[in-house]
C-alpha atoms as a PDB file:
ATOM      1  CA  UNK A   1       0.000   0.000   0.000  1.00  0.00           C
ATOM      2  CA  UNK A   2       1.278   3.458  -0.917  1.00  0.00           C
ATOM      3  CA  UNK A   3      -1.195   5.605   1.067  1.00  0.00           C
ATOM      4  CA  UNK A   4       1.314   6.385   3.823  1.00  0.00           C
ATOM      5  CA  UNK A   5      -0.147   9.853   4.621  1.00  0.00           C
ATOM      6  CA  UNK A   6      -3.620   8.327   5.014  1.00  0.00           C
ATOM      7  CA  UNK A   7      -2.289   5.481   7.152  1.00  0.00           C
ATOM      8  CA  UNK A   8      -0.465   8.004   9.310  1.00  0.00           C
ATOM      9  CA  UNK A   9      -3.675  10.027   9.566  1.00  0.00           C
ATOM     10  CA  UNK A  10      -5.586   6.968  10.804  1.00  0.00           C
ATOM     11  CA  UNK A  11      -3.014   6.238  13.485  1.00  0.00           C
ATOM     12  CA  UNK A  12      -2.926   9.883  14.555  1.00  0.00           C
ATOM     13  CA  UNK A  13      -6.741   9.978  14.533  1.00  0.00           C
ATOM     14  CA  UNK A  14      -6.800   7.062  16.995  1.00  0.00           C
ATOM     15  CA  UNK A  15      -4.452   8.923  19.325  1.00  0.00           C
ATOM     16  CA  UNK A  16      -6.555  12.088  19.063  1.00  0.00           C
ATOM     17  CA  UNK A  17      -9.783  10.177  19.728  1.00  0.00           C
ATOM     18  CA  UNK A  18      -8.283   8.614  22.850  1.00  0.00           C
ATOM     19  CA  UNK A  19      -7.041  12.042  23.935  1.00  0.00           C
ATOM     20  CA  UNK A  20     -10.487  13.614  23.440  1.00  0.00           C
ATOM     21  CA  UNK A  21     -12.257  10.760  25.236  1.00  0.00           C
ATOM     22  CA  UNK A  22      -9.859  11.010  28.181  1.00  0.00           C
ATOM     23  CA  UNK A  23     -11.488  14.352  29.019  1.00  0.00           C
ATOM     24  CA  UNK A  24     -14.687  12.464  29.833  1.00  0.00           C
ATOM     25  CA  UNK A  25     -13.869   8.743  30.125  1.00  0.00           C
ATOM     26  CA  UNK A  26     -11.245   7.383  32.514  1.00  0.00           C
ATOM     27  CA  UNK A  27      -9.531   4.165  31.387  1.00  0.00           C
ATOM     28  CA  UNK A  28     -11.403   1.700  29.118  1.00  0.00           C
ATOM     29  CA  UNK A  29      -8.705   2.082  26.408  1.00  0.00           C
ATOM     30  CA  UNK A  30      -9.197  -1.486  25.174  1.00  0.00           C
ATOM     31  CA  UNK A  31     -12.965  -0.968  24.879  1.00  0.00           C
ATOM     32  CA  UNK A  32     -12.471   2.259  22.893  1.00  0.00           C
ATOM     33  CA  UNK A  33      -9.940   0.554  20.601  1.00  0.00           C
ATOM     34  CA  UNK A  34     -12.406  -2.240  19.853  1.00  0.00           C
ATOM     35  CA  UNK A  35     -15.150   0.316  19.172  1.00  0.00           C
ATOM     36  CA  UNK A  36     -12.872   2.143  16.719  1.00  0.00           C
ATOM     37  CA  UNK A  37     -11.936  -1.108  14.984  1.00  0.00           C
ATOM     38  CA  UNK A  38     -15.620  -1.935  14.506  1.00  0.00           C
ATOM     39  CA  UNK A  39     -16.368   1.574  13.190  1.00  0.00           C
ATOM     40  CA  UNK A  40     -13.623   1.418  10.570  1.00  0.00           C
ATOM     41  CA  UNK A  41     -14.614  -2.155   9.660  1.00  0.00           C
ATOM     42  CA  UNK A  42     -18.297  -1.171   9.196  1.00  0.00           C
ATOM     43  CA  UNK A  43     -19.297  -3.478  12.036  1.00  0.00           C
ATOM     44  CA  UNK A  44     -21.813  -3.242  14.877  1.00  0.00           C
ATOM     45  CA  UNK A  45     -21.031  -3.840  18.554  1.00  0.00           C
ATOM     46  CA  UNK A  46     -22.826  -5.402  21.502  1.00  0.00           C
ATOM     47  CA  UNK A  47     -21.597  -4.026  24.829  1.00  0.00           C
ATOM     48  CA  UNK A  48     -22.263  -5.916  28.018  1.00  0.00           C
ATOM     49  CA  UNK A  49     -21.713  -4.472  31.462  1.00  0.00           C
ATOM     50  CA  UNK A  50     -23.482  -3.627  34.694  1.00  0.00           C
ATOM     51  CA  UNK A  51     -25.187  -0.214  35.022  1.00  0.00           C
ATOM     52  CA  UNK A  52     -23.096   2.829  35.838  1.00  0.00           C
ATOM     53  CA  UNK A  53     -19.981   2.068  33.761  1.00  0.00           C
ATOM     54  CA  UNK A  54     -20.489   5.070  31.434  1.00  0.00           C
ATOM     55  CA  UNK A  55     -21.335   2.999  28.353  1.00  0.00           C
ATOM     56  CA  UNK A  56     -23.809   5.605  27.102  1.00  0.00           C
ATOM     57  CA  UNK A  57     -21.440   8.487  27.831  1.00  0.00           C
ATOM     58  CA  UNK A  58     -18.587   6.692  26.078  1.00  0.00           C
ATOM     59  CA  UNK A  59     -20.584   6.096  22.907  1.00  0.00           C
ATOM     60  CA  UNK A  60     -22.102   9.594  22.755  1.00  0.00           C
ATOM     61  CA  UNK A  61     -18.664  11.157  23.290  1.00  0.00           C
ATOM     62  CA  UNK A  62     -17.161   8.922  20.598  1.00  0.00           C
ATOM     63  CA  UNK A  63     -19.817  10.147  18.153  1.00  0.00           C
ATOM     64  CA  UNK A  64     -18.824  13.731  18.968  1.00  0.00           C
ATOM     65  CA  UNK A  65     -15.137  13.064  18.320  1.00  0.00           C
ATOM     66  CA  UNK A  66     -16.029  11.470  14.961  1.00  0.00           C
ATOM     67  CA  UNK A  67     -18.531  14.277  14.205  1.00  0.00           C
ATOM     68  CA  UNK A  68     -21.373  11.803  13.632  1.00  0.00           C
ATOM     69  CA  UNK A  69     -25.081  12.252  14.258  1.00  0.00           C
ATOM     70  CA  UNK A  70     -25.915  10.374  17.462  1.00  0.00           C
ATOM     71  CA  UNK A  71     -29.211   8.837  18.515  1.00  0.00           C
ATOM     72  CA  UNK A  72     -30.075   6.965  21.685  1.00  0.00           C
ATOM     73  CA  UNK A  73     -33.025   4.553  21.836  1.00  0.00           C
ATOM     74  CA  UNK A  74     -34.078   3.286  25.256  1.00  0.00           C
ATOM     75  CA  UNK A  75     -35.443  -0.188  24.568  1.00  0.00           C
ATOM     76  CA  UNK A  76     -38.482  -1.099  26.670  1.00  0.00           C
ATOM     77  CA  UNK A  77     -41.038  -3.954  26.587  1.00  0.00           C
ATOM     78  CA  UNK A  78     -43.660  -1.705  24.942  1.00  0.00           C
ATOM     79  CA  UNK A  79     -41.370  -0.356  22.184  1.00  0.00           C
ATOM     80  CA  UNK A  80     -42.836  -1.014  18.725  1.00  0.00           C
ATOM     81  CA  UNK A  81     -41.009  -1.190  15.351  1.00  0.00           C
ATOM     82  CA  UNK A  82     -42.553   2.116  14.193  1.00  0.00           C
ATOM     83  CA  UNK A  83     -41.089   3.803  17.283  1.00  0.00           C
ATOM     84  CA  UNK A  84     -37.578   3.270  15.919  1.00  0.00           C
ATOM     85  CA  UNK A  85     -38.042   3.169  12.138  1.00  0.00           C
ATOM     86  CA  UNK A  86     -40.508   6.032  11.739  1.00  0.00           C
ATOM     87  CA  UNK A  87     -44.080   6.240  10.435  1.00  0.00           C
ATOM     88  CA  UNK A  88     -46.148   7.499   7.513  1.00  0.00           C
ATOM     89  CA  UNK A  89     -48.601  10.261   8.370  1.00  0.00           C
ATOM     90  CA  UNK A  90     -51.343  11.872   6.274  1.00  0.00           C
ATOM     91  CA  UNK A  91     -51.172  15.602   5.786  1.00  0.00           C
ATOM     92  CA  UNK A  92     -52.771  18.090   3.476  1.00  0.00           C
ATOM     93  CA  UNK A  93     -50.810  19.553   0.564  1.00  0.00           C
ATOM     94  CA  UNK A  94     -51.427  23.316   0.835  1.00  0.00           C
ATOM     95  CA  UNK A  95     -50.898  23.838  -2.906  1.00  0.00           C
ATOM     96  CA  UNK A  96     -53.286  21.181  -4.216  1.00  0.00           C
ATOM     97  CA  UNK A  97     -55.524  20.638  -1.217  1.00  0.00           C
ATOM     98  CA  UNK A  98     -55.020  16.875  -1.542  1.00  0.00           C
ATOM     99  CA  UNK A  99     -54.029  14.587   1.272  1.00  0.00           C
ATOM    100  CA  UNK A 100     -50.632  12.942   0.894  1.00  0.00           C
ATOM    101  CA  UNK A 101     -48.475  10.534   2.875  1.00  0.00           C
ATOM    102  CA  UNK A 102     -45.395  11.970   4.523  1.00  0.00           C
ATOM    103  CA  UNK A 103     -42.700   9.846   6.152  1.00  0.00           C
ATOM    104  CA  UNK A 104     -41.490  10.946   9.591  1.00  0.00           C
ATOM    105  CA  UNK A 105     -38.050   9.516  10.306  1.00  0.00           C
ATOM    106  CA  UNK A 106     -37.487   7.568  13.506  1.00  0.00           C
ATOM    107  CA  UNK A 107     -34.373   7.602  15.718  1.00  0.00           C
ATOM    108  CA  UNK A 108     -32.669   4.966  13.525  1.00  0.00           C
ATOM    109  CA  UNK A 109     -31.929   7.749  11.046  1.00  0.00           C
ATOM    110  CA  UNK A 110     -28.576   8.655  12.577  1.00  0.00           C
ATOM    111  CA  UNK A 111     -24.956   7.666  12.007  1.00  0.00           C
ATOM    112  CA  UNK A 112     -24.319   6.146  15.411  1.00  0.00           C
ATOM    113  CA  UNK A 113     -27.303   4.558  17.161  1.00  0.00           C
ATOM    114  CA  UNK A 114     -27.156   3.463  20.789  1.00  0.00           C
ATOM    115  CA  UNK A 115     -29.671   0.670  21.365  1.00  0.00           C
ATOM    116  CA  UNK A 116     -29.780   0.830  25.155  1.00  0.00           C
ATOM    117  CA  UNK A 117     -30.742  -2.455  26.865  1.00  0.00           C
ATOM    118  CA  UNK A 118     -31.615  -4.115  23.577  1.00  0.00           C
ATOM    119  CA  UNK A 119     -32.738  -7.332  25.295  1.00  0.00           C
ATOM    120  CA  UNK A 120     -35.641  -5.512  26.984  1.00  0.00           C
ATOM    121  CA  UNK A 121     -37.681  -5.141  23.807  1.00  0.00           C
ATOM    122  CA  UNK A 122     -39.805  -7.820  22.054  1.00  0.00           C
ATOM    123  CA  UNK A 123     -38.505  -9.804  19.037  1.00  0.00           C
ATOM    124  CA  UNK A 124     -40.658  -7.839  16.561  1.00  0.00           C
ATOM    125  CA  UNK A 125     -38.803  -4.605  17.348  1.00  0.00           C
ATOM    126  CA  UNK A 126     -35.464  -6.410  17.463  1.00  0.00           C
ATOM    127  CA  UNK A 127     -36.132  -7.737  13.951  1.00  0.00           C
ATOM    128  CA  UNK A 128     -36.731  -4.185  12.674  1.00  0.00           C
ATOM    129  CA  UNK A 129     -33.371  -3.202  14.129  1.00  0.00           C
ATOM    130  CA  UNK A 130     -31.809  -6.294  12.554  1.00  0.00           C
ATOM    131  CA  UNK A 131     -32.952  -5.214   9.078  1.00  0.00           C
ATOM    132  CA  UNK A 132     -31.368  -1.806   9.643  1.00  0.00           C
ATOM    133  CA  UNK A 133     -28.100  -3.404  10.783  1.00  0.00           C
ATOM    134  CA  UNK A 134     -27.909  -5.809   7.864  1.00  0.00           C
ATOM    135  CA  UNK A 135     -29.374  -3.784   4.984  1.00  0.00           C
ATOM    136  CA  UNK A 136     -28.711  -0.195   6.170  1.00  0.00           C
ATOM    137  CA  UNK A 137     -32.346   0.580   5.404  1.00  0.00           C
ATOM    138  CA  UNK A 138     -35.796   0.220   6.969  1.00  0.00           C
ATOM    139  CA  UNK A 139     -39.131  -0.874   5.533  1.00  0.00           C
ATOM    140  CA  UNK A 140     -42.253   1.100   6.437  1.00  0.00           C
ATOM    141  CA  UNK A 141     -45.377  -0.120   4.706  1.00  0.00           C
ATOM    142  CA  UNK A 142     -44.286  -0.922   1.150  1.00  0.00           C
ATOM    143  CA  UNK A 143     -41.501   1.636   1.035  1.00  0.00           C
ATOM    144  CA  UNK A 144     -37.861   1.114   1.878  1.00  0.00           C
ATOM    145  CA  UNK A 145     -35.962   4.068   3.282  1.00  0.00           C
ATOM    146  CA  UNK A 146     -32.162   4.204   3.093  1.00  0.00           C
ATOM    147  CA  UNK A 147     -30.322   5.066   6.297  1.00  0.00           C
ATOM    148  CA  UNK A 148     -27.529   7.675   6.381  1.00  0.00           C
ATOM    149  CA  UNK A 149     -23.936   6.531   5.936  1.00  0.00           C
ATOM    150  CA  UNK A 150     -21.883   5.667   7.834  1.00  0.00           C
ATOM    151  CA  UNK A 151     -24.295   3.710  10.037  1.00  0.00           C
ATOM    152  CA  UNK A 152     -23.425   1.837  13.235  1.00  0.00           C
ATOM    153  CA  UNK A 153     -25.503   0.183  15.934  1.00  0.00           C
ATOM    154  CA  UNK A 154     -23.898  -0.024  19.361  1.00  0.00           C
ATOM    155  CA  UNK A 155     -26.215  -2.031  21.605  1.00  0.00           C
ATOM    156  CA  UNK A 156     -25.957  -2.564  25.354  1.00  0.00           C
ATOM    157  CA  UNK A 157     -27.354  -5.262  27.587  1.00  0.00           C
ATOM    158  CA  UNK A 158     -27.327  -5.845  31.333  1.00  0.00           C
ATOM    159  CA  UNK A 159     -25.806  -9.237  32.301  1.00  0.00           C
ATOM    160  CA  UNK A 160     -27.271  -9.360  35.819  1.00  0.00           C
ATOM    161  CA  UNK A 161     -30.947  -8.557  35.239  1.00  0.00           C
ATOM    162  CA  UNK A 162     -32.844 -11.191  33.257  1.00  0.00           C
ATOM    163  CA  UNK A 163     -36.445 -10.763  34.460  1.00  0.00           C
ATOM    164  CA  UNK A 164     -38.671  -9.260  31.772  1.00  0.00           C
ATOM    165  CA  UNK A 165     -36.009  -9.526  29.052  1.00  0.00           C
ATOM    166  CA  UNK A 166     -35.975 -11.096  25.602  1.00  0.00           C
ATOM    167  CA  UNK A 167     -32.512 -12.682  25.152  1.00  0.00           C
ATOM    168  CA  UNK A 168     -31.078 -12.151  21.688  1.00  0.00           C
ATOM    169  CA  UNK A 169     -31.165 -15.296  19.510  1.00  0.00           C
ATOM    170  CA  UNK A 170     -27.792 -16.603  18.306  1.00  0.00           C
ATOM    171  CA  UNK A 171     -28.666 -15.630  14.711  1.00  0.00           C
ATOM    172  CA  UNK A 172     -29.194 -12.017  15.775  1.00  0.00           C
ATOM    173  CA  UNK A 173     -26.066 -11.923  17.939  1.00  0.00           C
ATOM    174  CA  UNK A 174     -24.108 -13.126  14.911  1.00  0.00           C
ATOM    175  CA  UNK A 175     -24.850  -9.798  13.189  1.00  0.00           C
ATOM    176  CA  UNK A 176     -22.709  -7.987  15.753  1.00  0.00           C
ATOM    177  CA  UNK A 177     -19.030  -7.858  14.865  1.00  0.00           C
ATOM    178  CA  UNK A 178     -17.910  -7.697  18.511  1.00  0.00           C
ATOM    179  CA  UNK A 179     -19.322  -8.481  21.895  1.00  0.00           C
ATOM    180  CA  UNK A 180     -17.398  -6.214  24.237  1.00  0.00           C
ATOM    181  CA  UNK A 181     -17.259  -6.634  27.986  1.00  0.00           C
ATOM    182  CA  UNK A 182     -17.175  -3.327  29.876  1.00  0.00           C
ATOM    183  CA  UNK A 183     -15.618  -4.108  33.240  1.00  0.00           C
ATOM    184  CA  UNK A 184     -15.303  -2.262  36.541  1.00  0.00           C
ATOM    185  CA  UNK A 185     -12.533   0.372  36.691  1.00  0.00           C
ATOM    186  CA  UNK A 186      -9.357  -0.127  38.713  1.00  0.00           C
ATOM    187  CA  UNK A 187      -8.979   1.628  42.075  1.00  0.00           C
ATOM    188  CA  UNK A 188      -6.931   4.489  40.580  1.00  0.00           C
ATOM    189  CA  UNK A 189      -9.339   4.872  37.663  1.00  0.00           C
ATOM    190  CA  UNK A 190     -12.373   4.964  39.943  1.00  0.00           C
ATOM    191  CA  UNK A 191     -10.617   7.528  42.161  1.00  0.00           C
ATOM    192  CA  UNK A 192     -10.113   9.743  39.101  1.00  0.00           C
ATOM    193  CA  UNK A 193     -13.746   9.202  38.030  1.00  0.00           C
ATOM    194  CA  UNK A 194     -14.987  10.428  41.410  1.00  0.00           C
ATOM    195  CA  UNK A 195     -12.756  13.497  41.211  1.00  0.00           C
ATOM    196  CA  UNK A 196     -13.948  14.389  37.706  1.00  0.00           C
ATOM    197  CA  UNK A 197     -17.656  13.829  38.288  1.00  0.00           C
ATOM    198  CA  UNK A 198     -17.962  15.556  41.658  1.00  0.00           C
ATOM    199  CA  UNK A 199     -16.232  18.811  40.724  1.00  0.00           C
ATOM    200  CA  UNK A 200     -16.915  21.658  38.327  1.00  0.00           C
ATOM    201  CA  UNK A 201     -15.230  20.513  35.143  1.00  0.00           C
ATOM    202  CA  UNK A 202     -16.280  21.086  31.555  1.00  0.00           C
ATOM    203  CA  UNK A 203     -15.116  19.115  28.543  1.00  0.00           C
ATOM    204  CA  UNK A 204     -14.080  20.605  25.229  1.00  0.00           C
ATOM    205  CA  UNK A 205     -14.561  17.733  22.783  1.00  0.00           C
ATOM    206  CA  UNK A 206     -13.273  18.545  19.295  1.00  0.00           C
ATOM    207  CA  UNK A 207     -14.140  16.525  16.140  1.00  0.00           C
ATOM    208  CA  UNK A 208     -11.246  14.432  14.868  1.00  0.00           C
ATOM    209  CA  UNK A 209     -12.759  13.013  11.659  1.00  0.00           C
ATOM    210  CA  UNK A 210     -15.704  13.714   9.359  1.00  0.00           C
ATOM    211  CA  UNK A 211     -18.223  11.195   8.008  1.00  0.00           C
ATOM    212  CA  UNK A 212     -16.753  11.273   4.476  1.00  0.00           C
ATOM    213  CA  UNK A 213     -13.259  10.670   5.872  1.00  0.00           C
ATOM    214  CA  UNK A 214     -14.520   7.665   7.818  1.00  0.00           C
ATOM    215  CA  UNK A 215     -16.043   6.246   4.621  1.00  0.00           C
ATOM    216  CA  UNK A 216     -12.701   6.661   2.801  1.00  0.00           C
ATOM    217  CA  UNK A 217     -10.809   4.959   5.620  1.00  0.00           C
ATOM    218  CA  UNK A 218     -13.297   2.075   5.599  1.00  0.00           C
ATOM    219  CA  UNK A 219     -12.456   1.461   1.929  1.00  0.00           C
ATOM    220  CA  UNK A 220      -8.731   1.766   2.623  1.00  0.00           C
ATOM    221  CA  UNK A 221      -8.877  -0.907   5.323  1.00  0.00           C
ATOM    222  CA  UNK A 222     -10.182  -3.485   2.837  1.00  0.00           C
ATOM    223  CA  UNK A 223      -7.072  -2.907   0.704  1.00  0.00           C
ATOM    224  CA  UNK A 224      -4.710  -4.096   3.435  1.00  0.00           C
ATOM    225  CA  UNK A 225      -3.051  -7.357   2.278  1.00  0.00           C
ATOM    226  CA  UNK A 226      -3.250 -10.503   4.397  1.00  0.00           C
ATOM    227  CA  UNK A 227      -0.744 -13.341   4.080  1.00  0.00           C
ATOM    228  CA  UNK A 228      -1.813 -16.914   3.379  1.00  0.00           C
ATOM    229  CA  UNK A 229      -0.464 -17.938   6.786  1.00  0.00           C
ATOM    230  CA  UNK A 230      -2.601 -15.399   8.688  1.00  0.00           C
ATOM    231  CA  UNK A 231      -5.655 -16.564   6.741  1.00  0.00           C
ATOM    232  CA  UNK A 232      -4.918 -20.219   7.593  1.00  0.00           C
ATOM    233  CA  UNK A 233      -4.284 -19.337  11.239  1.00  0.00           C
ATOM    234  CA  UNK A 234      -7.609 -17.473  11.459  1.00  0.00           C
ATOM    235  CA  UNK A 235      -9.486 -20.328   9.801  1.00  0.00           C
ATOM    236  CA  UNK A 236      -7.791 -22.793  12.159  1.00  0.00           C
ATOM    237  CA  UNK A 237      -9.065 -20.964  15.245  1.00  0.00           C
ATOM    238  CA  UNK A 238     -12.644 -20.709  13.969  1.00  0.00           C
ATOM    239  CA  UNK A 239     -12.966 -24.155  12.369  1.00  0.00           C
ATOM    240  CA  UNK A 240     -11.845 -25.825  15.606  1.00  0.00           C
ATOM    241  CA  UNK A 241     -15.102 -24.650  17.207  1.00  0.00           C
ATOM    242  CA  UNK A 242     -17.322 -26.643  14.795  1.00  0.00           C
ATOM    243  CA  UNK A 243     -18.086 -29.872  16.604  1.00  0.00           C
ATOM    244  CA  UNK A 244     -20.046 -31.363  13.681  1.00  0.00           C
ATOM    245  CA  UNK A 245     -16.911 -31.555  11.521  1.00  0.00           C
ATOM    246  CA  UNK A 246     -15.315 -34.228  13.765  1.00  0.00           C
ATOM    247  CA  UNK A 247     -11.892 -34.266  12.061  1.00  0.00           C
ATOM    248  CA  UNK A 248      -9.226 -32.232  13.837  1.00  0.00           C
ATOM    249  CA  UNK A 249     -11.567 -30.979  16.577  1.00  0.00           C
ATOM    250  CA  UNK A 250      -9.910 -30.947  20.035  1.00  0.00           C
ATOM    251  CA  UNK A 251     -11.536 -32.972  22.792  1.00  0.00           C
ATOM    252  CA  UNK A 252     -12.225 -29.912  24.953  1.00  0.00           C
ATOM    253  CA  UNK A 253     -14.333 -28.431  22.138  1.00  0.00           C
ATOM    254  CA  UNK A 254     -16.320 -31.649  21.714  1.00  0.00           C
ATOM    255  CA  UNK A 255     -17.105 -31.583  25.444  1.00  0.00           C
ATOM    256  CA  UNK A 256     -17.830 -27.896  25.975  1.00  0.00           C
ATOM    257  CA  UNK A 257     -19.293 -26.538  22.709  1.00  0.00           C
ATOM    258  CA  UNK A 258     -22.748 -27.392  21.393  1.00  0.00           C
ATOM    259  CA  UNK A 259     -22.482 -25.175  18.306  1.00  0.00           C
ATOM    260  CA  UNK A 260     -19.528 -23.337  16.788  1.00  0.00           C
ATOM    261  CA  UNK A 261     -18.897 -20.125  14.840  1.00  0.00           C
ATOM    262  CA  UNK A 262     -19.706 -19.662  11.153  1.00  0.00           C
ATOM    263  CA  UNK A 263     -17.861 -17.983   8.246  1.00  0.00           C
ATOM    264  CA  UNK A 264     -18.945 -14.494   9.392  1.00  0.00           C
ATOM    265  CA  UNK A 265     -16.572 -14.903  12.355  1.00  0.00           C
ATOM    266  CA  UNK A 266     -13.621 -15.414   9.970  1.00  0.00           C
ATOM    267  CA  UNK A 267     -14.647 -12.391   7.908  1.00  0.00           C
ATOM    268  CA  UNK A 268     -14.855 -10.146  10.966  1.00  0.00           C
ATOM    269  CA  UNK A 269     -11.533 -11.413  12.347  1.00  0.00           C
ATOM    270  CA  UNK A 270      -9.754 -10.590   9.092  1.00  0.00           C
ATOM    271  CA  UNK A 271     -11.450  -7.188   8.705  1.00  0.00           C
ATOM    272  CA  UNK A 272     -10.783  -6.387  12.359  1.00  0.00           C
ATOM    273  CA  UNK A 273      -7.152  -7.466  11.961  1.00  0.00           C
ATOM    274  CA  UNK A 274      -6.772  -5.107   8.999  1.00  0.00           C
ATOM    275  CA  UNK A 275      -8.271  -2.200  10.941  1.00  0.00           C
ATOM    276  CA  UNK A 276      -6.145  -2.938  14.019  1.00  0.00           C
ATOM    277  CA  UNK A 277      -2.999  -3.046  11.895  1.00  0.00           C
ATOM    278  CA  UNK A 278      -3.667   0.355  10.314  1.00  0.00           C
ATOM    279  CA  UNK A 279      -4.688   1.923  13.636  1.00  0.00           C
ATOM    280  CA  UNK A 280      -1.281   0.847  14.929  1.00  0.00           C
ATOM    281  CA  UNK A 281       0.546   2.237  11.898  1.00  0.00           C
ATOM    282  CA  UNK A 282       1.165  -1.078  10.080  1.00  0.00           C
ATOM    283  CA  UNK A 283       0.246  -2.077   6.531  1.00  0.00           C
ATOM    284  CA  UNK A 284       0.174  -5.812   7.247  1.00  0.00           C
ATOM    285  CA  UNK A 285      -1.824  -8.111   9.528  1.00  0.00           C
ATOM    286  CA  UNK A 286      -0.131 -10.416  12.039  1.00  0.00           C
ATOM    287  CA  UNK A 287      -1.357 -13.466  13.961  1.00  0.00           C
ATOM    288  CA  UNK A 288      -1.100 -11.323  17.095  1.00  0.00           C
ATOM    289  CA  UNK A 289      -3.740  -8.977  15.621  1.00  0.00           C
ATOM    290  CA  UNK A 290      -6.051 -11.965  15.209  1.00  0.00           C
ATOM    291  CA  UNK A 291      -5.354 -13.222  18.734  1.00  0.00           C
ATOM    292  CA  UNK A 292      -6.290  -9.842  20.212  1.00  0.00           C
ATOM    293  CA  UNK A 293      -9.692  -9.930  18.490  1.00  0.00           C
ATOM    294  CA  UNK A 294     -10.639 -13.599  18.872  1.00  0.00           C
ATOM    295  CA  UNK A 295     -12.519 -13.112  22.159  1.00  0.00           C
ATOM    296  CA  UNK A 296     -14.778 -10.185  21.136  1.00  0.00           C
ATOM    297  CA  UNK A 297     -15.507 -11.881  17.788  1.00  0.00           C
ATOM    298  CA  UNK A 298     -16.138 -15.429  19.039  1.00  0.00           C
ATOM    299  CA  UNK A 299     -17.534 -15.147  22.569  1.00  0.00           C
ATOM    300  CA  UNK A 300     -21.124 -14.517  21.418  1.00  0.00           C
ATOM    301  CA  UNK A 301     -20.928 -17.017  18.561  1.00  0.00           C
ATOM    302  CA  UNK A 302     -20.159 -20.095  20.656  1.00  0.00           C
ATOM    303  CA  UNK A 303     -23.091 -22.013  22.129  1.00  0.00           C
ATOM    304  CA  UNK A 304     -21.752 -23.720  25.244  1.00  0.00           C
ATOM    305  CA  UNK A 305     -22.882 -27.224  26.204  1.00  0.00           C
ATOM    306  CA  UNK A 306     -24.721 -28.101  29.402  1.00  0.00           C
ATOM    307  CA  UNK A 307     -21.514 -29.705  30.718  1.00  0.00           C
ATOM    308  CA  UNK A 308     -19.596 -26.454  30.185  1.00  0.00           C
ATOM    309  CA  UNK A 309     -22.231 -24.418  32.019  1.00  0.00           C
ATOM    310  CA  UNK A 310     -22.370 -26.896  34.892  1.00  0.00           C
ATOM    311  CA  UNK A 311     -18.584 -26.741  35.284  1.00  0.00           C
ATOM    312  CA  UNK A 312     -18.459 -22.956  35.032  1.00  0.00           C
ATOM    313  CA  UNK A 313     -16.622 -22.904  31.702  1.00  0.00           C
ATOM    314  CA  UNK A 314     -17.038 -19.670  29.726  1.00  0.00           C
ATOM    315  CA  UNK A 315     -16.431 -18.956  26.023  1.00  0.00           C
ATOM    316  CA  UNK A 316     -13.417 -16.795  26.941  1.00  0.00           C
ATOM    317  CA  UNK A 317     -11.821 -19.700  28.830  1.00  0.00           C
ATOM    318  CA  UNK A 318     -12.277 -21.968  25.829  1.00  0.00           C
ATOM    319  CA  UNK A 319     -10.910 -19.346  23.435  1.00  0.00           C
ATOM    320  CA  UNK A 320      -7.771 -19.020  25.589  1.00  0.00           C
ATOM    321  CA  UNK A 321      -7.306 -22.790  25.274  1.00  0.00           C
ATOM    322  CA  UNK A 322      -7.760 -22.678  21.490  1.00  0.00           C
ATOM    323  CA  UNK A 323      -5.097 -19.960  21.193  1.00  0.00           C
ATOM    324  CA  UNK A 324      -2.780 -22.055  23.368  1.00  0.00           C
ATOM    325  CA  UNK A 325      -3.096 -25.255  21.284  1.00  0.00           C
ATOM    326  CA  UNK A 326      -2.989 -23.570  17.838  1.00  0.00           C
ATOM    327  CA  UNK A 327       0.598 -23.175  16.512  1.00  0.00           C
ATOM    328  CA  UNK A 328       1.383 -19.611  15.543  1.00  0.00           C
ATOM    329  CA  UNK A 329       4.419 -20.486  13.398  1.00  0.00           C
ATOM    330  CA  UNK A 330       3.614 -21.318   9.790  1.00  0.00           C
ATOM    331  CA  UNK A 331       5.736 -24.487   9.513  1.00  0.00           C
ATOM    332  CA  UNK A 332       4.314 -25.937  12.739  1.00  0.00           C
ATOM    333  CA  UNK A 333       0.735 -25.191  11.705  1.00  0.00           C
ATOM    334  CA  UNK A 334       1.108 -26.795   8.267  1.00  0.00           C
ATOM    335  CA  UNK A 335       2.923 -29.923   9.511  1.00  0.00           C
ATOM    336  CA  UNK A 336       0.644 -30.638  12.453  1.00  0.00           C
ATOM    337  CA  UNK A 337      -1.402 -33.789  11.566  1.00  0.00           C
ATOM    338  CA  UNK A 338      -4.479 -32.510  13.433  1.00  0.00           C
ATOM    339  CA  UNK A 339      -4.588 -29.299  11.442  1.00  0.00           C
ATOM    340  CA  UNK A 340      -3.891 -31.162   8.192  1.00  0.00           C
ATOM    341  CA  UNK A 341      -7.078 -33.113   8.754  1.00  0.00           C
ATOM    342  CA  UNK A 342      -8.853 -29.868   9.711  1.00  0.00           C
ATOM    343  CA  UNK A 343      -7.794 -28.200   6.442  1.00  0.00           C
ATOM    344  CA  UNK A 344      -8.878 -31.242   4.448  1.00  0.00           C
ATOM    345  CA  UNK A 345     -12.386 -31.367   5.915  1.00  0.00           C
END
């Protein structure tokens, strides 16, 4: 790739975004990095964390730094599809005196949409959101309306409150590029949070990128080359989760996984690896890039078995084991009999 100034701009933009966010958000650098990777890869994110961890503030501030139109939708059990997509209304044309239909846009018509507590709304409304995520458009009546570009859905869900919720089906979770865990801050970070939020401080968030620049960078990321070895390594990690293939599947997977990840996981790992490489100033993807993204890409795509749940095994634990038993060196990966059978299946 010869777009060195653009690559440098992307890396500098990441540093500026982190600098702008630090005025409001303390810590959470890894979460912000994963959000940026998904934005530049045209992916959507599912954030999971207990209340009070500034998920909403983080996303709204990120939209300000990227100069994107932001919309927050509070998902509730009585939320209907028309509440998020928009509706057709009848009004009188003052020139002709005739009644005409006019479309009133819903909150989905924004660049960055925060779907707050997505698992609190019924499946019918979730399916309307799913169409927007997949097609970047909504259907109202017989008319399809195109959403503005770029378009991202960043959804949150509460892991500790399950009463009155509608858990997302695996097929719908698969539409999210990442599932990001937002964890508690460290002692020092929480001390700084208390200082910032209990004093008179004002932020001065400045835009770092424009929407058209983001679109250009999204196209640039797809031009990043990926070696045959990195592709094989990525496929090796994902294909080991598919218990129905039998050949080359480790015993721990056969015991703990009921259903594995599909091809979309490989696509997102490669796209995310490309974005991560450019954000770090590199024009090539490494196996380490893939390793860093395996958990957020795979954790919501693995259906754990009853045995795994009874023994307290989590997807992240299993992913760590897969990384451990998958050779990172090209010669070792190709010569390993187990992976030879995996490639042949």
